[in-house]
Protein backbone atom coordinates (compact mmCIF):
# COMPACT_ATOMS: atom_id res chain seq x y z
CA UNK A 1 -47.41 -40.12 55.14
CA UNK A 2 -46.86 -39.56 51.41
CA UNK A 3 -50.08 -39.74 49.40
CA UNK A 4 -50.60 -42.78 47.17
CA UNK A 5 -51.73 -41.60 43.74
CA UNK A 6 -52.04 -45.01 42.08
CA UNK A 7 -52.71 -48.41 43.62
CA UNK A 8 -53.18 -51.83 42.05
CA UNK A 9 -54.24 -54.71 44.32
CA UNK A 10 -54.24 -58.26 42.95
CA UNK A 11 -54.99 -57.06 39.42
CA UNK A 12 -55.49 -59.63 36.69
CA UNK A 13 -56.57 -59.57 33.06
CA UNK A 14 -56.37 -62.48 30.61
CA UNK A 15 -56.76 -62.22 26.84
CA UNK A 16 -58.25 -65.04 24.78
CA UNK A 17 -55.33 -67.41 24.35
CA UNK A 18 -53.99 -66.92 27.85
CA UNK A 19 -51.67 -63.89 27.70
CA UNK A 20 -52.19 -61.00 30.12
CA UNK A 21 -51.27 -60.14 33.69
CA UNK A 22 -52.15 -61.72 37.01
CA UNK A 23 -51.86 -60.91 40.70
CA UNK A 24 -50.24 -57.50 40.24
CA UNK A 25 -49.76 -55.30 43.32
CA UNK A 26 -48.20 -51.91 42.57
CA UNK A 27 -48.28 -48.37 43.94
CA UNK A 28 -47.07 -44.93 42.90
CA UNK A 29 -46.74 -42.25 45.55
CA UNK A 30 -46.65 -38.47 45.20
CA UNK A 31 -43.19 -37.31 44.13
CA UNK A 32 -42.15 -40.83 43.09
CA UNK A 33 -41.05 -42.15 39.71
CA UNK A 34 -41.89 -45.86 39.58
CA UNK A 35 -40.47 -47.62 36.52
CA UNK A 36 -41.89 -50.81 35.08
CA UNK A 37 -39.41 -52.83 33.00
CA UNK A 38 -39.79 -56.04 31.05
CA UNK A 39 -39.18 -57.72 27.74
CA UNK A 40 -41.58 -57.24 24.84
CA UNK A 41 -44.82 -59.07 25.57
CA UNK A 42 -44.23 -59.15 29.33
CA UNK A 43 -47.46 -57.26 30.06
CA UNK A 44 -46.32 -53.64 30.44
CA UNK A 45 -48.82 -52.13 28.02
CA UNK A 46 -51.67 -54.27 29.34
CA UNK A 47 -50.97 -53.01 32.85
CA UNK A 48 -50.89 -49.41 31.62
CA UNK A 49 -54.23 -49.83 29.84
CA UNK A 50 -55.77 -51.22 33.01
CA UNK A 51 -54.49 -48.21 34.96
CA UNK A 52 -56.11 -45.87 32.44
CA UNK A 53 -59.45 -47.67 32.21
CA UNK A 54 -58.81 -48.73 28.61
CA UNK A 55 -59.24 -52.30 29.88
CA UNK A 56 -61.29 -53.36 32.90
CA UNK A 57 -59.63 -55.69 35.42
CA UNK A 58 -61.07 -59.19 35.60
CA UNK A 59 -59.61 -59.56 39.09
CA UNK A 60 -58.46 -57.14 41.76
CA UNK A 61 -58.84 -53.37 41.82
CA UNK A 62 -57.20 -50.23 40.44
CA UNK A 63 -57.43 -46.87 42.20
CA UNK A 64 -56.35 -43.66 40.46
CA UNK A 65 -56.09 -40.47 42.53
CA UNK A 66 -58.21 -42.10 45.21
CA UNK A 67 -61.01 -43.26 42.88
CA UNK A 68 -61.73 -46.81 41.74
CA UNK A 69 -60.97 -46.76 38.03
CA UNK A 70 -64.40 -48.14 37.05
CA UNK A 71 -66.06 -45.15 38.71
CA UNK A 72 -63.49 -42.44 37.93
CA UNK A 73 -65.08 -39.38 36.33
CA UNK A 74 -63.70 -36.48 34.28
CA UNK A 75 -62.51 -34.67 37.41
CA UNK A 76 -60.19 -37.61 38.17
CA UNK A 77 -58.84 -38.02 34.65
CA UNK A 78 -58.18 -34.27 34.46
CA UNK A 79 -55.41 -34.95 36.99
CA UNK A 80 -53.77 -37.67 34.88
CA UNK A 81 -51.35 -37.30 31.98
CA UNK A 82 -51.19 -40.44 29.83
CA UNK A 83 -49.03 -41.52 26.90
CA UNK A 84 -49.77 -45.02 25.60
CA UNK A 85 -48.58 -46.54 22.31
CA UNK A 86 -48.43 -43.39 20.17
CA UNK A 87 -48.88 -39.59 20.37
CA UNK A 88 -52.51 -38.48 20.47
CA UNK A 89 -52.37 -35.59 18.01
CA UNK A 90 -54.25 -34.24 15.00
CA UNK A 91 -52.10 -34.22 11.87
CA UNK A 92 -53.86 -31.37 10.05
CA UNK A 93 -53.55 -29.00 13.01
CA UNK A 94 -50.40 -27.21 14.06
CA UNK A 95 -48.51 -27.89 17.27
CA UNK A 96 -49.95 -24.96 19.20
CA UNK A 97 -53.54 -25.82 18.32
CA UNK A 98 -53.00 -29.44 19.32
CA UNK A 99 -51.69 -28.35 22.71
CA UNK A 100 -54.51 -25.85 23.20
CA UNK A 101 -57.06 -28.59 22.59
CA UNK A 102 -55.30 -30.96 24.99
CA UNK A 103 -55.18 -28.31 27.70
CA UNK A 104 -58.86 -27.46 27.34
CA UNK A 105 -59.84 -31.15 27.34
CA UNK A 106 -58.03 -31.53 30.67
CA UNK A 107 -59.89 -28.64 32.26
CA UNK A 108 -57.43 -25.75 31.94
CA UNK A 109 -59.33 -22.46 31.99
CA UNK A 110 -59.41 -20.74 28.61
CA UNK A 111 -57.50 -17.72 29.88
CA UNK A 112 -54.70 -19.90 31.24
CA UNK A 113 -54.22 -21.96 28.09
CA UNK A 114 -51.78 -19.67 26.19
CA UNK A 115 -49.31 -19.55 29.09
CA UNK A 116 -49.54 -23.31 29.71
CA UNK A 117 -48.98 -24.05 26.02
CA UNK A 118 -46.12 -21.60 25.68
CA UNK A 119 -44.39 -23.03 28.72
CA UNK A 120 -44.54 -26.62 27.55
CA UNK A 121 -43.47 -25.71 24.00
CA UNK A 122 -40.37 -24.13 25.48
CA UNK A 123 -39.79 -26.94 27.96
CA UNK A 124 -39.77 -29.67 25.28
CA UNK A 125 -37.88 -27.50 22.78
CA UNK A 126 -40.79 -27.27 20.35
CA UNK A 127 -41.24 -23.49 20.07
CA UNK A 128 -39.76 -23.47 16.54
CA UNK A 129 -42.54 -25.85 15.46
CA UNK A 130 -45.37 -23.94 17.12
CA UNK A 131 -47.17 -23.23 13.84
CA UNK A 132 -46.07 -26.33 11.92
CA UNK A 133 -48.73 -28.91 11.11
CA UNK A 134 -48.15 -32.16 12.95
CA UNK A 135 -48.15 -34.22 9.75
CA UNK A 136 -45.00 -32.36 8.73
CA UNK A 137 -43.10 -33.12 11.92
CA UNK A 138 -40.51 -35.86 12.21
CA UNK A 139 -41.47 -38.92 14.24
CA UNK A 140 -39.34 -37.70 17.12
CA UNK A 141 -40.84 -34.22 17.19
CA UNK A 142 -44.35 -35.65 16.86
CA UNK A 143 -43.59 -37.76 19.93
CA UNK A 144 -42.28 -34.69 21.79
CA UNK A 145 -45.55 -32.94 20.93
CA UNK A 146 -47.59 -35.88 22.20
CA UNK A 147 -45.63 -35.78 25.45
CA UNK A 148 -46.09 -32.01 25.67
CA UNK A 149 -49.85 -32.56 25.45
CA UNK A 150 -49.56 -34.97 28.38
CA UNK A 151 -47.68 -32.42 30.49
CA UNK A 152 -49.38 -29.14 29.62
CA UNK A 153 -52.21 -29.34 32.16
CA UNK A 154 -49.95 -30.03 35.15
CA UNK A 155 -51.17 -33.57 35.99
CA UNK A 156 -50.74 -35.05 39.48
CA UNK A 157 -50.08 -38.50 38.00
CA UNK A 158 -48.16 -39.39 34.83
CA UNK A 159 -48.65 -42.75 33.10
CA UNK A 160 -46.09 -43.10 30.32
CA UNK A 161 -45.78 -46.26 28.24
CA UNK A 162 -42.43 -46.42 26.39
CA UNK A 163 -42.26 -42.60 26.12
CA UNK A 164 -38.74 -42.46 24.62
CA UNK A 165 -39.28 -44.84 21.68
CA UNK A 166 -38.95 -42.28 18.86
CA UNK A 167 -36.80 -39.72 20.69
CA UNK A 168 -33.20 -38.91 19.87
CA UNK A 169 -30.66 -38.51 22.70
CA UNK A 170 -31.46 -34.81 23.13
CA UNK A 171 -35.17 -35.57 23.32
CA UNK A 172 -34.59 -38.29 25.91
CA UNK A 173 -32.64 -35.87 28.11
CA UNK A 174 -35.32 -33.20 27.69
CA UNK A 175 -38.07 -35.62 28.72
CA UNK A 176 -36.00 -36.95 31.62
CA UNK A 177 -35.56 -33.44 33.00
CA UNK A 178 -39.27 -32.68 32.56
CA UNK A 179 -40.26 -35.80 34.52
CA UNK A 180 -37.77 -35.10 37.31
CA UNK A 181 -38.96 -31.49 37.66
CA UNK A 182 -42.52 -32.66 38.11
CA UNK A 183 -41.57 -35.38 40.55
CA UNK A 184 -39.70 -32.81 42.64
CA UNK A 185 -42.93 -30.78 42.74
CA UNK A 186 -44.99 -33.77 43.92
CA UNK A 187 -46.19 -35.44 40.73
CA UNK A 188 -46.14 -39.24 40.71
CA UNK A 189 -45.10 -41.13 37.58
CA UNK A 190 -45.44 -44.68 36.33
CA UNK A 191 -43.07 -45.15 33.39
CA UNK A 192 -42.72 -48.36 31.41
CA UNK A 193 -39.64 -49.08 29.35
CA UNK A 194 -37.22 -51.74 28.20
CA UNK A 195 -34.32 -49.25 28.37
CA UNK A 196 -32.83 -50.06 31.76
CA UNK A 197 -30.06 -47.48 31.63
CA UNK A 198 -32.53 -44.66 31.04
CA UNK A 199 -35.10 -45.55 33.70
CA UNK A 200 -32.31 -46.04 36.22
CA UNK A 201 -31.49 -42.34 35.80
CA UNK A 202 -34.96 -41.19 36.85
CA UNK A 203 -36.58 -43.96 38.90
CA UNK A 204 -37.00 -44.14 42.65
CA UNK A 205 -38.27 -47.71 42.26
CA UNK A 206 -37.97 -50.23 39.43
CA UNK A 207 -40.34 -53.20 39.20
CA UNK A 208 -39.66 -56.10 36.84
CA UNK A 209 -42.54 -57.73 34.98
CA UNK A 210 -42.21 -61.10 33.25
CA UNK A 211 -44.91 -63.29 31.76
CA UNK A 212 -47.61 -61.07 33.25
CA UNK A 213 -46.32 -61.11 36.84
CA UNK A 214 -44.22 -58.73 38.89
CA UNK A 215 -41.13 -60.78 39.73
CA UNK A 216 -39.06 -58.40 41.83
CA UNK A 217 -37.46 -54.98 42.04
CA UNK A 218 -34.12 -53.57 40.88
CA UNK A 219 -31.90 -51.08 42.65
CA UNK A 220 -31.76 -47.94 40.45
CA UNK A 221 -28.25 -47.32 41.75
CA UNK A 222 -27.09 -50.89 41.24
CA UNK A 223 -23.72 -51.57 39.62
CA UNK A 224 -24.93 -54.15 37.07
CA UNK A 225 -28.62 -53.50 36.69
CA UNK A 226 -28.84 -55.27 33.34
CA UNK A 227 -27.46 -58.52 34.75
CA UNK A 228 -29.85 -58.27 37.72
CA UNK A 229 -32.78 -57.71 35.35
CA UNK A 230 -32.06 -60.76 33.21
CA UNK A 231 -31.45 -62.90 36.28
CA UNK A 232 -34.95 -62.07 37.59
CA UNK A 233 -36.54 -62.68 34.19
CA UNK A 234 -34.71 -65.98 33.74
CA UNK A 235 -35.72 -67.13 37.19
CA UNK A 236 -39.36 -66.26 36.47
CA UNK A 237 -39.61 -67.99 33.11
CA UNK A 238 -37.82 -71.16 34.24
CA UNK A 239 -39.64 -71.57 37.57
């Protein structure tokens, strides 16, 4: 049986005012790309923050790489690559130094860091910016660098919240190929997006979230995936 790398059971979290998520069951298995799609404000980012321990569930449980998220230690998080809201980089440092720091923080041995950094610079087409300070990069290249930092340590689980927001078409294709390579090697990925056409190219499963609830799944190979998406959202908000 394929290993489950991420599991949410009955997860709920409510902000003051009533927004949040409730009753979410979701899993990501090794080698699987599971996409989470929804309109702005549907709860995608809240769910991602719960997965990463940035918020604590008020109901239900979250397990990451076999550990309950409340008890997950550094050895668990070393196996996770996370991109949420914006690239986590240091503007006064160059691209290479940023990636070296990210690799070391995720437990890569010092002697293995140069090769890991060089590989991911090449993979995300950033080698030309290796010694450029991050503050001088375009928004798209800064996002590529943030994604490179997520990938450099070879995580078993990727958690990517709207990872293509600032990317141009070439950057989107580069990231798509990087995710698919890792999935083929056994990495699991949870990817949130509101770009249906893009996630349909990489996803094995697509879950729809609306008003804080999972309201169904879409067929990645479906003929009219956009129509199916809006039908599920409409049904959820008018029920």
